[in-house]
Amino acid sequence: MKKRAIVDKKLCVACGCCMKACRLGAISIPNGVCAVIDTEKCVGCGMCAQKCPASVISLEVVADE
């Protein structure tokens, strides 16, 4: 069972906490608007969700390829 992080774009305030927490560099904040997850890099560890002060990042189960 593989997981990946998803961001609620309506609630994200682009604080950068998730980006700092991601050891794989899978999160960016283009134009300072909202966090974006690179699904190719994300391994679903959940560190970003744990560090998000607004709790707008969650993990979802993805089908195995």
N, C-alpha and C. Protein backbone atom coordinates (compact mmCIF):
# COMPACT_ATOMS: atom_id res chain seq x y z
N MET A 1 0.84 -1.17 0.00
CA MET A 1 0.00 0.00 0.00
C MET A 1 0.90 1.25 0.00
N LYS A 2 0.81 2.03 -1.04
CA LYS A 2 1.61 3.23 -1.17
C LYS A 2 0.74 4.45 -0.85
N LYS A 3 1.36 5.44 -0.22
CA LYS A 3 0.65 6.67 0.10
C LYS A 3 1.36 7.85 -0.53
N ARG A 4 0.63 8.95 -0.63
CA ARG A 4 1.25 10.20 -1.07
C ARG A 4 0.52 11.35 -0.40
N ALA A 5 1.23 12.45 -0.28
CA ALA A 5 0.68 13.63 0.38
C ALA A 5 -0.14 14.44 -0.60
N ILE A 6 -1.21 15.04 -0.09
CA ILE A 6 -2.02 15.96 -0.88
C ILE A 6 -2.26 17.22 -0.05
N VAL A 7 -2.35 18.35 -0.72
CA VAL A 7 -2.52 19.64 -0.07
C VAL A 7 -3.91 20.19 -0.38
N ASP A 8 -4.59 20.68 0.63
CA ASP A 8 -5.85 21.39 0.41
C ASP A 8 -5.48 22.80 -0.03
N LYS A 9 -5.54 23.03 -1.32
CA LYS A 9 -5.07 24.29 -1.90
C LYS A 9 -5.88 25.50 -1.43
N LYS A 10 -7.12 25.27 -1.05
CA LYS A 10 -7.97 26.38 -0.59
C LYS A 10 -7.54 26.89 0.78
N LEU A 11 -6.92 26.02 1.58
CA LEU A 11 -6.57 26.39 2.95
C LEU A 11 -5.08 26.62 3.19
N CYS A 12 -4.24 26.22 2.25
CA CYS A 12 -2.79 26.37 2.41
C CYS A 12 -2.40 27.85 2.44
N VAL A 13 -1.55 28.22 3.42
CA VAL A 13 -1.11 29.61 3.53
C VAL A 13 0.35 29.78 3.11
N ALA A 14 0.94 28.75 2.53
CA ALA A 14 2.30 28.80 1.98
C ALA A 14 3.34 29.22 3.02
N CYS A 15 3.24 28.67 4.23
CA CYS A 15 4.17 29.05 5.30
C CYS A 15 5.55 28.42 5.13
N GLY A 16 5.63 27.29 4.41
CA GLY A 16 6.91 26.64 4.14
C GLY A 16 7.31 25.56 5.13
N CYS A 17 6.53 25.34 6.18
CA CYS A 17 6.88 24.31 7.16
C CYS A 17 6.97 22.93 6.53
N CYS A 18 6.08 22.62 5.63
CA CYS A 18 6.08 21.31 4.96
C CYS A 18 7.32 21.17 4.09
N MET A 19 7.67 22.22 3.41
CA MET A 19 8.83 22.20 2.51
C MET A 19 10.10 21.94 3.31
N LYS A 20 10.22 22.56 4.47
CA LYS A 20 11.38 22.35 5.33
C LYS A 20 11.41 20.93 5.89
N ALA A 21 10.25 20.34 6.13
CA ALA A 21 10.16 19.01 6.73
C ALA A 21 10.46 17.90 5.73
N CYS A 22 10.28 18.17 4.45
CA CYS A 22 10.46 17.14 3.43
C CYS A 22 11.93 16.94 3.11
N ARG A 23 12.46 15.78 3.50
CA ARG A 23 13.87 15.46 3.26
C ARG A 23 14.16 15.10 1.81
N LEU A 24 13.12 14.84 1.04
CA LEU A 24 13.32 14.44 -0.35
C LEU A 24 13.15 15.59 -1.33
N GLY A 25 12.83 16.76 -0.84
CA GLY A 25 12.65 17.91 -1.72
C GLY A 25 11.45 17.76 -2.63
N ALA A 26 10.40 17.10 -2.13
CA ALA A 26 9.22 16.83 -2.95
C ALA A 26 8.19 17.94 -2.89
N ILE A 27 8.47 19.00 -2.12
CA ILE A 27 7.49 20.07 -1.96
C ILE A 27 8.10 21.40 -2.37
N SER A 28 7.32 22.15 -3.14
CA SER A 28 7.73 23.50 -3.52
C SER A 28 6.55 24.44 -3.31
N ILE A 29 6.86 25.73 -3.29
CA ILE A 29 5.80 26.73 -3.15
C ILE A 29 6.00 27.75 -4.27
N PRO A 30 5.55 27.40 -5.47
CA PRO A 30 5.74 28.31 -6.60
C PRO A 30 4.97 29.61 -6.41
N ASN A 31 5.61 30.71 -6.67
CA ASN A 31 5.00 32.05 -6.56
C ASN A 31 4.51 32.37 -5.16
N GLY A 32 4.91 31.59 -4.15
CA GLY A 32 4.51 31.87 -2.78
C GLY A 32 3.03 31.74 -2.51
N VAL A 33 2.34 30.96 -3.33
CA VAL A 33 0.88 30.88 -3.23
C VAL A 33 0.39 29.68 -2.44
N CYS A 34 0.90 28.50 -2.78
CA CYS A 34 0.41 27.26 -2.19
C CYS A 34 1.46 26.15 -2.37
N ALA A 35 1.54 25.27 -1.39
CA ALA A 35 2.47 24.14 -1.49
C ALA A 35 2.02 23.19 -2.58
N VAL A 36 3.00 22.68 -3.32
CA VAL A 36 2.74 21.71 -4.39
C VAL A 36 3.62 20.49 -4.15
N ILE A 37 3.02 19.31 -4.21
CA ILE A 37 3.73 18.05 -3.98
C ILE A 37 4.15 17.46 -5.32
N ASP A 38 5.43 17.12 -5.44
CA ASP A 38 5.93 16.41 -6.63
C ASP A 38 5.67 14.93 -6.39
N THR A 39 4.69 14.39 -7.08
CA THR A 39 4.27 13.00 -6.85
C THR A 39 5.34 11.99 -7.24
N GLU A 40 6.28 12.39 -8.07
CA GLU A 40 7.38 11.49 -8.45
C GLU A 40 8.37 11.33 -7.30
N LYS A 41 8.52 12.36 -6.48
CA LYS A 41 9.47 12.33 -5.37
C LYS A 41 8.83 11.90 -4.05
N CYS A 42 7.56 12.17 -3.86
CA CYS A 42 6.88 11.90 -2.60
C CYS A 42 6.78 10.40 -2.33
N VAL A 43 7.21 9.99 -1.13
CA VAL A 43 7.13 8.58 -0.74
C VAL A 43 6.04 8.34 0.30
N GLY A 44 5.30 9.39 0.65
CA GLY A 44 4.18 9.24 1.58
C GLY A 44 4.59 9.02 3.03
N CYS A 45 5.72 9.59 3.42
CA CYS A 45 6.20 9.38 4.80
C CYS A 45 5.35 10.13 5.83
N GLY A 46 4.72 11.23 5.42
CA GLY A 46 3.84 11.98 6.31
C GLY A 46 4.50 13.06 7.14
N MET A 47 5.80 13.28 6.97
CA MET A 47 6.48 14.31 7.74
C MET A 47 5.89 15.70 7.46
N CYS A 48 5.55 15.97 6.23
CA CYS A 48 4.97 17.27 5.88
C CYS A 48 3.63 17.47 6.58
N ALA A 49 2.82 16.43 6.61
CA ALA A 49 1.50 16.52 7.26
C ALA A 49 1.66 16.75 8.76
N GLN A 50 2.65 16.12 9.36
CA GLN A 50 2.89 16.30 10.79
C GLN A 50 3.34 17.71 11.12
N LYS A 51 4.12 18.32 10.25
CA LYS A 51 4.68 19.65 10.52
C LYS A 51 3.78 20.80 10.08
N CYS A 52 2.74 20.53 9.31
CA CYS A 52 1.85 21.59 8.83
C CYS A 52 1.04 22.17 9.98
N PRO A 53 1.26 23.45 10.33
CA PRO A 53 0.53 24.04 11.45
C PRO A 53 -0.95 24.24 11.18
N ALA A 54 -1.33 24.28 9.91
CA ALA A 54 -2.73 24.48 9.55
C ALA A 54 -3.46 23.16 9.27
N SER A 55 -2.74 22.03 9.33
CA SER A 55 -3.31 20.70 9.08
C SER A 55 -4.02 20.61 7.73
N VAL A 56 -3.39 21.15 6.70
CA VAL A 56 -4.00 21.12 5.37
C VAL A 56 -3.38 20.06 4.47
N ILE A 57 -2.43 19.29 5.00
CA ILE A 57 -1.82 18.20 4.23
C ILE A 57 -2.28 16.88 4.81
N SER A 58 -2.70 15.99 3.93
CA SER A 58 -3.13 14.67 4.35
C SER A 58 -2.48 13.63 3.45
N LEU A 59 -2.56 12.39 3.85
CA LEU A 59 -2.02 11.29 3.04
C LEU A 59 -3.17 10.52 2.43
N GLU A 60 -3.00 10.13 1.18
CA GLU A 60 -4.01 9.32 0.51
C GLU A 60 -3.34 8.05 -0.01
N VAL A 61 -4.07 6.99 -0.03
CA VAL A 61 -3.59 5.71 -0.55
C VAL A 61 -3.70 5.74 -2.07
N VAL A 62 -2.63 5.33 -2.73
CA VAL A 62 -2.63 5.27 -4.19
C VAL A 62 -2.47 3.83 -4.64
N ALA A 63 -3.03 3.53 -5.80
CA ALA A 63 -2.95 2.17 -6.33
C ALA A 63 -1.51 1.85 -6.70
N ASP A 64 -1.10 0.63 -6.45
CA ASP A 64 0.24 0.18 -6.84
C ASP A 64 0.31 0.13 -8.35
N GLU A 65 1.46 0.54 -8.86
CA GLU A 65 1.62 0.55 -10.32
C GLU A 65 2.24 -0.71 -10.82
